[in-house]
């Protein structure tokens, strides 16, 4: 995913002041900084919940994509397996590579809900650590988050700043909607 595709959120202290892709959040960042040069501005990637640095330079328009067939993206990498795994792979139709591709595709299809929930929960936790790591009941709120207990999480973070609380619950609800 390119930087322009990221979904970001900008906070000035405990207040959310912008959300959107890099360019929109960068514009909000520049505007907030111009209004208050000493503002406590922090930007988070909503996919990971982690702080990110923005490129505040004005961006040139992207070049048109090149014509032609895109590369397939095949990459040769090393895989370390036990001898019994290699033995089993050798008996599979199409050889080891084909069998591994089938296994990976199956795991991707069957585990997509759990993977999405885990990523969103991790993002909510990453954001919580950065913005409310010293808030009251942080540890208990973290336990509620990882347990998937929205009611308890909501009760525990009720005294926290409104925008921080809302962002945590938005990330949590995204995790719940993704397969909880």
C-alpha atoms as a PDB file:
ATOM      1  CA  UNK A   1       0.000   0.000   0.000  1.00  0.00           C
ATOM      2  CA  UNK A   2       1.425   3.365  -0.935  1.00  0.00           C
ATOM      3  CA  UNK A   3       1.553   6.242   1.522  1.00  0.00           C
ATOM      4  CA  UNK A   4      -1.263   8.007  -0.326  1.00  0.00           C
ATOM      5  CA  UNK A   5      -3.569   5.051   0.337  1.00  0.00           C
ATOM      6  CA  UNK A   6      -3.155   5.062   4.115  1.00  0.00           C
ATOM      7  CA  UNK A   7      -6.098   5.948   6.331  1.00  0.00           C
ATOM      8  CA  UNK A   8      -4.723   8.374   8.918  1.00  0.00           C
ATOM      9  CA  UNK A   9      -5.993  10.346  11.888  1.00  0.00           C
ATOM     10  CA  UNK A  10      -4.498  13.573  13.259  1.00  0.00           C
ATOM     11  CA  UNK A  11      -4.726  14.504  16.929  1.00  0.00           C
ATOM     12  CA  UNK A  12      -3.887  17.806  18.595  1.00  0.00           C
ATOM     13  CA  UNK A  13      -3.390  16.602  22.135  1.00  0.00           C
ATOM     14  CA  UNK A  14      -6.570  14.657  22.966  1.00  0.00           C
ATOM     15  CA  UNK A  15      -8.609  16.223  20.112  1.00  0.00           C
ATOM     16  CA  UNK A  16      -9.084  14.594  16.712  1.00  0.00           C
ATOM     17  CA  UNK A  17      -8.723  17.315  14.094  1.00  0.00           C
ATOM     18  CA  UNK A  18      -8.447  15.432  10.791  1.00  0.00           C
ATOM     19  CA  UNK A  19      -8.972  12.009   9.215  1.00  0.00           C
ATOM     20  CA  UNK A  20      -8.309  10.684   5.746  1.00  0.00           C
ATOM     21  CA  UNK A  21      -5.496   9.868   3.329  1.00  0.00           C
ATOM     22  CA  UNK A  22      -1.981  11.287   3.671  1.00  0.00           C
ATOM     23  CA  UNK A  23      -2.599  14.393   1.557  1.00  0.00           C
ATOM     24  CA  UNK A  24      -5.717  15.444   3.495  1.00  0.00           C
ATOM     25  CA  UNK A  25      -4.138  14.840   6.893  1.00  0.00           C
ATOM     26  CA  UNK A  26      -0.928  16.603   5.826  1.00  0.00           C
ATOM     27  CA  UNK A  27      -3.020  19.641   4.828  1.00  0.00           C
ATOM     28  CA  UNK A  28      -4.736  19.545   8.244  1.00  0.00           C
ATOM     29  CA  UNK A  29      -1.353  19.206   9.926  1.00  0.00           C
ATOM     30  CA  UNK A  30       0.072  22.237   8.086  1.00  0.00           C
ATOM     31  CA  UNK A  31      -3.048  24.276   8.920  1.00  0.00           C
ATOM     32  CA  UNK A  32      -2.952  23.339  12.623  1.00  0.00           C
ATOM     33  CA  UNK A  33       0.769  24.031  12.826  1.00  0.00           C
ATOM     34  CA  UNK A  34       0.318  27.443  11.193  1.00  0.00           C
ATOM     35  CA  UNK A  35      -2.418  28.301  13.694  1.00  0.00           C
ATOM     36  CA  UNK A  36      -0.425  27.059  16.684  1.00  0.00           C
ATOM     37  CA  UNK A  37       3.305  26.405  16.109  1.00  0.00           C
ATOM     38  CA  UNK A  38       3.626  24.610  19.465  1.00  0.00           C
ATOM     39  CA  UNK A  39       0.623  22.314  19.011  1.00  0.00           C
ATOM     40  CA  UNK A  40       1.000  18.725  20.234  1.00  0.00           C
ATOM     41  CA  UNK A  41       0.222  17.128  16.860  1.00  0.00           C
ATOM     42  CA  UNK A  42       0.312  13.349  16.402  1.00  0.00           C
ATOM     43  CA  UNK A  43      -0.622  11.315  13.349  1.00  0.00           C
ATOM     44  CA  UNK A  44      -1.666   7.663  13.475  1.00  0.00           C
ATOM     45  CA  UNK A  45      -2.084   5.035  10.779  1.00  0.00           C
ATOM     46  CA  UNK A  46      -5.508   3.511  11.466  1.00  0.00           C
ATOM     47  CA  UNK A  47      -4.464   0.164   9.990  1.00  0.00           C
ATOM     48  CA  UNK A  48      -1.794  -0.276  12.660  1.00  0.00           C
ATOM     49  CA  UNK A  49      -2.692   2.216  15.372  1.00  0.00           C
ATOM     50  CA  UNK A  50       0.918   3.345  15.331  1.00  0.00           C
ATOM     51  CA  UNK A  51       2.222   6.898  14.995  1.00  0.00           C
ATOM     52  CA  UNK A  52       3.542   7.853  11.565  1.00  0.00           C
ATOM     53  CA  UNK A  53       5.597  10.665  10.138  1.00  0.00           C
ATOM     54  CA  UNK A  54       4.034  12.688   7.371  1.00  0.00           C
ATOM     55  CA  UNK A  55       5.795  14.044   4.344  1.00  0.00           C
ATOM     56  CA  UNK A  56       4.696  17.684   4.592  1.00  0.00           C
ATOM     57  CA  UNK A  57       6.174  18.689   1.248  1.00  0.00           C
ATOM     58  CA  UNK A  58       3.673  19.610  -1.418  1.00  0.00           C
ATOM     59  CA  UNK A  59       3.220  16.564  -3.653  1.00  0.00           C
ATOM     60  CA  UNK A  60       3.466  16.542  -7.428  1.00  0.00           C
ATOM     61  CA  UNK A  61       0.695  14.733  -9.300  1.00  0.00           C
ATOM     62  CA  UNK A  62       1.363  11.049  -9.886  1.00  0.00           C
ATOM     63  CA  UNK A  63       2.523   9.959 -13.317  1.00  0.00           C
ATOM     64  CA  UNK A  64       0.140   7.905 -15.423  1.00  0.00           C
ATOM     65  CA  UNK A  65       0.745   4.171 -15.076  1.00  0.00           C
ATOM     66  CA  UNK A  66       2.840   2.540 -17.747  1.00  0.00           C
ATOM     67  CA  UNK A  67       1.050   0.547 -20.386  1.00  0.00           C
ATOM     68  CA  UNK A  68       1.616  -3.135 -20.794  1.00  0.00           C
ATOM     69  CA  UNK A  69       1.332  -6.263 -18.729  1.00  0.00           C
ATOM     70  CA  UNK A  70       2.054  -5.867 -15.013  1.00  0.00           C
ATOM     71  CA  UNK A  71       4.684  -8.048 -13.432  1.00  0.00           C
ATOM     72  CA  UNK A  72       3.350 -11.130 -11.701  1.00  0.00           C
ATOM     73  CA  UNK A  73       5.269 -10.434  -8.514  1.00  0.00           C
ATOM     74  CA  UNK A  74       6.705 -13.920  -8.113  1.00  0.00           C
ATOM     75  CA  UNK A  75       9.538 -13.931  -5.596  1.00  0.00           C
ATOM     76  CA  UNK A  76      11.855 -16.805  -4.743  1.00  0.00           C
ATOM     77  CA  UNK A  77      12.559 -17.029  -1.018  1.00  0.00           C
ATOM     78  CA  UNK A  78      13.952 -19.638   1.297  1.00  0.00           C
ATOM     79  CA  UNK A  79      11.623 -21.856   3.311  1.00  0.00           C
ATOM     80  CA  UNK A  80      12.972 -23.902   6.204  1.00  0.00           C
ATOM     81  CA  UNK A  81      11.095 -27.129   6.942  1.00  0.00           C
ATOM     82  CA  UNK A  82      11.780 -30.360   8.779  1.00  0.00           C
ATOM     83  CA  UNK A  83      12.642 -33.430   6.688  1.00  0.00           C
ATOM     84  CA  UNK A  84       9.175 -34.947   7.266  1.00  0.00           C
ATOM     85  CA  UNK A  85       7.616 -31.764   5.827  1.00  0.00           C
ATOM     86  CA  UNK A  86       9.790 -31.982   2.714  1.00  0.00           C
ATOM     87  CA  UNK A  87       8.889 -35.666   2.395  1.00  0.00           C
ATOM     88  CA  UNK A  88       5.179 -34.872   2.505  1.00  0.00           C
ATOM     89  CA  UNK A  89       5.539 -31.984   0.047  1.00  0.00           C
ATOM     90  CA  UNK A  90       7.382 -34.271  -2.397  1.00  0.00           C
ATOM     91  CA  UNK A  91       4.303 -36.525  -2.581  1.00  0.00           C
ATOM     92  CA  UNK A  92       1.905 -33.690  -3.445  1.00  0.00           C
ATOM     93  CA  UNK A  93       0.644 -33.085  -6.981  1.00  0.00           C
ATOM     94  CA  UNK A  94       2.520 -30.276  -8.700  1.00  0.00           C
ATOM     95  CA  UNK A  95       5.488 -30.424  -6.322  1.00  0.00           C
ATOM     96  CA  UNK A  96       6.431 -28.481  -3.222  1.00  0.00           C
ATOM     97  CA  UNK A  97       5.809 -24.987  -4.593  1.00  0.00           C
ATOM     98  CA  UNK A  98       2.311 -25.803  -5.841  1.00  0.00           C
ATOM     99  CA  UNK A  99       1.419 -27.509  -2.551  1.00  0.00           C
ATOM    100  CA  UNK A 100       2.685 -24.551  -0.525  1.00  0.00           C
ATOM    101  CA  UNK A 101       0.709 -22.126  -2.697  1.00  0.00           C
ATOM    102  CA  UNK A 102      -2.460 -24.200  -2.155  1.00  0.00           C
ATOM    103  CA  UNK A 103      -1.870 -24.307   1.617  1.00  0.00           C
ATOM    104  CA  UNK A 104      -1.272 -20.558   1.807  1.00  0.00           C
ATOM    105  CA  UNK A 105      -4.373 -19.778  -0.263  1.00  0.00           C
ATOM    106  CA  UNK A 106      -6.492 -22.065   1.914  1.00  0.00           C
ATOM    107  CA  UNK A 107      -5.163 -20.431   5.090  1.00  0.00           C
ATOM    108  CA  UNK A 108      -5.783 -16.965   3.642  1.00  0.00           C
ATOM    109  CA  UNK A 109      -9.402 -17.832   2.821  1.00  0.00           C
ATOM    110  CA  UNK A 110     -10.273 -19.610   6.065  1.00  0.00           C
ATOM    111  CA  UNK A 111      -8.387 -17.315   8.441  1.00  0.00           C
ATOM    112  CA  UNK A 112      -9.330 -13.956   6.938  1.00  0.00           C
ATOM    113  CA  UNK A 113     -11.875 -13.062   9.633  1.00  0.00           C
ATOM    114  CA  UNK A 114      -9.552 -13.903  12.517  1.00  0.00           C
ATOM    115  CA  UNK A 115      -6.634 -12.129  10.853  1.00  0.00           C
ATOM    116  CA  UNK A 116      -8.663  -8.960  10.288  1.00  0.00           C
ATOM    117  CA  UNK A 117      -9.957  -8.982  13.872  1.00  0.00           C
ATOM    118  CA  UNK A 118      -6.441  -9.450  15.240  1.00  0.00           C
ATOM    119  CA  UNK A 119      -5.051  -6.610  13.100  1.00  0.00           C
ATOM    120  CA  UNK A 120      -7.816  -4.217  14.187  1.00  0.00           C
ATOM    121  CA  UNK A 121      -7.465  -5.200  17.855  1.00  0.00           C
ATOM    122  CA  UNK A 122      -3.713  -4.669  17.602  1.00  0.00           C
ATOM    123  CA  UNK A 123      -4.347  -1.275  15.973  1.00  0.00           C
ATOM    124  CA  UNK A 124      -6.726  -0.260  18.772  1.00  0.00           C
ATOM    125  CA  UNK A 125      -4.171  -1.358  21.347  1.00  0.00           C
ATOM    126  CA  UNK A 126      -1.323   0.465  19.591  1.00  0.00           C
ATOM    127  CA  UNK A 127      -3.383   3.644  19.567  1.00  0.00           C
ATOM    128  CA  UNK A 128      -4.356   3.144  23.236  1.00  0.00           C
ATOM    129  CA  UNK A 129      -0.731   2.747  24.290  1.00  0.00           C
ATOM    130  CA  UNK A 130       0.317   5.932  22.510  1.00  0.00           C
ATOM    131  CA  UNK A 131      -2.612   8.152  23.506  1.00  0.00           C
ATOM    132  CA  UNK A 132      -3.780   6.722  26.842  1.00  0.00           C
ATOM    133  CA  UNK A 133      -0.970   4.542  28.170  1.00  0.00           C
ATOM    134  CA  UNK A 134      -0.977   6.400  31.467  1.00  0.00           C
ATOM    135  CA  UNK A 135      -4.763   6.840  31.709  1.00  0.00           C
ATOM    136  CA  UNK A 136      -6.670   5.387  34.646  1.00  0.00           C
ATOM    137  CA  UNK A 137      -7.687   1.735  34.206  1.00  0.00           C
ATOM    138  CA  UNK A 138      -5.473   1.344  31.121  1.00  0.00           C
ATOM    139  CA  UNK A 139      -4.478  -2.238  31.997  1.00  0.00           C
ATOM    140  CA  UNK A 140      -8.062  -3.348  32.618  1.00  0.00           C
ATOM    141  CA  UNK A 141      -9.209  -1.590  29.436  1.00  0.00           C
ATOM    142  CA  UNK A 142      -6.493  -3.457  27.515  1.00  0.00           C
ATOM    143  CA  UNK A 143      -7.719  -6.760  28.906  1.00  0.00           C
ATOM    144  CA  UNK A 144     -11.289  -5.913  27.893  1.00  0.00           C
ATOM    145  CA  UNK A 145     -10.086  -4.952  24.401  1.00  0.00           C
ATOM    146  CA  UNK A 146      -8.282  -8.251  23.848  1.00  0.00           C
ATOM    147  CA  UNK A 147     -11.190 -10.194  25.361  1.00  0.00           C
ATOM    148  CA  UNK A 148     -13.532  -8.522  22.873  1.00  0.00           C
ATOM    149  CA  UNK A 149     -15.694  -7.162  25.722  1.00  0.00           C
ATOM    150  CA  UNK A 150     -17.045  -3.875  24.314  1.00  0.00           C
ATOM    151  CA  UNK A 151     -19.303  -3.118  27.296  1.00  0.00           C
ATOM    152  CA  UNK A 152     -16.451  -3.421  29.791  1.00  0.00           C
ATOM    153  CA  UNK A 153     -14.056  -1.530  27.512  1.00  0.00           C
ATOM    154  CA  UNK A 154     -16.597   1.284  27.105  1.00  0.00           C
ATOM    155  CA  UNK A 155     -17.138   1.526  30.870  1.00  0.00           C
ATOM    156  CA  UNK A 156     -13.416   1.554  31.643  1.00  0.00           C
ATOM    157  CA  UNK A 157     -12.519   4.259  29.116  1.00  0.00           C
ATOM    158  CA  UNK A 158     -15.553   6.459  29.896  1.00  0.00           C
ATOM    159  CA  UNK A 159     -13.453   9.029  31.820  1.00  0.00           C
ATOM    160  CA  UNK A 160     -10.882   9.316  29.019  1.00  0.00           C
ATOM    161  CA  UNK A 161     -10.986  12.241  26.550  1.00  0.00           C
ATOM    162  CA  UNK A 162     -13.925  11.987  24.155  1.00  0.00           C
ATOM    163  CA  UNK A 163     -12.008  11.828  20.869  1.00  0.00           C
ATOM    164  CA  UNK A 164      -9.512   9.274  22.171  1.00  0.00           C
ATOM    165  CA  UNK A 165     -12.353   7.134  23.490  1.00  0.00           C
ATOM    166  CA  UNK A 166     -14.229   7.425  20.177  1.00  0.00           C
ATOM    167  CA  UNK A 167     -11.151   6.413  18.161  1.00  0.00           C
ATOM    168  CA  UNK A 168     -10.520   3.362  20.339  1.00  0.00           C
ATOM    169  CA  UNK A 169     -14.130   2.241  19.978  1.00  0.00           C
ATOM    170  CA  UNK A 170     -14.070   2.870  16.223  1.00  0.00           C
ATOM    171  CA  UNK A 171     -11.030   0.617  15.923  1.00  0.00           C
ATOM    172  CA  UNK A 172     -12.620  -1.944  18.262  1.00  0.00           C
ATOM    173  CA  UNK A 173     -15.872  -1.963  16.300  1.00  0.00           C
ATOM    174  CA  UNK A 174     -13.915  -2.460  13.107  1.00  0.00           C
ATOM    175  CA  UNK A 175     -12.321  -5.492  14.746  1.00  0.00           C
ATOM    176  CA  UNK A 176     -15.714  -6.801  15.877  1.00  0.00           C
ATOM    177  CA  UNK A 177     -17.241  -6.250  12.452  1.00  0.00           C
ATOM    178  CA  UNK A 178     -14.334  -8.085  10.848  1.00  0.00           C
ATOM    179  CA  UNK A 179     -15.267 -11.365  12.416  1.00  0.00           C
ATOM    180  CA  UNK A 180     -15.637 -11.197  16.167  1.00  0.00           C
END
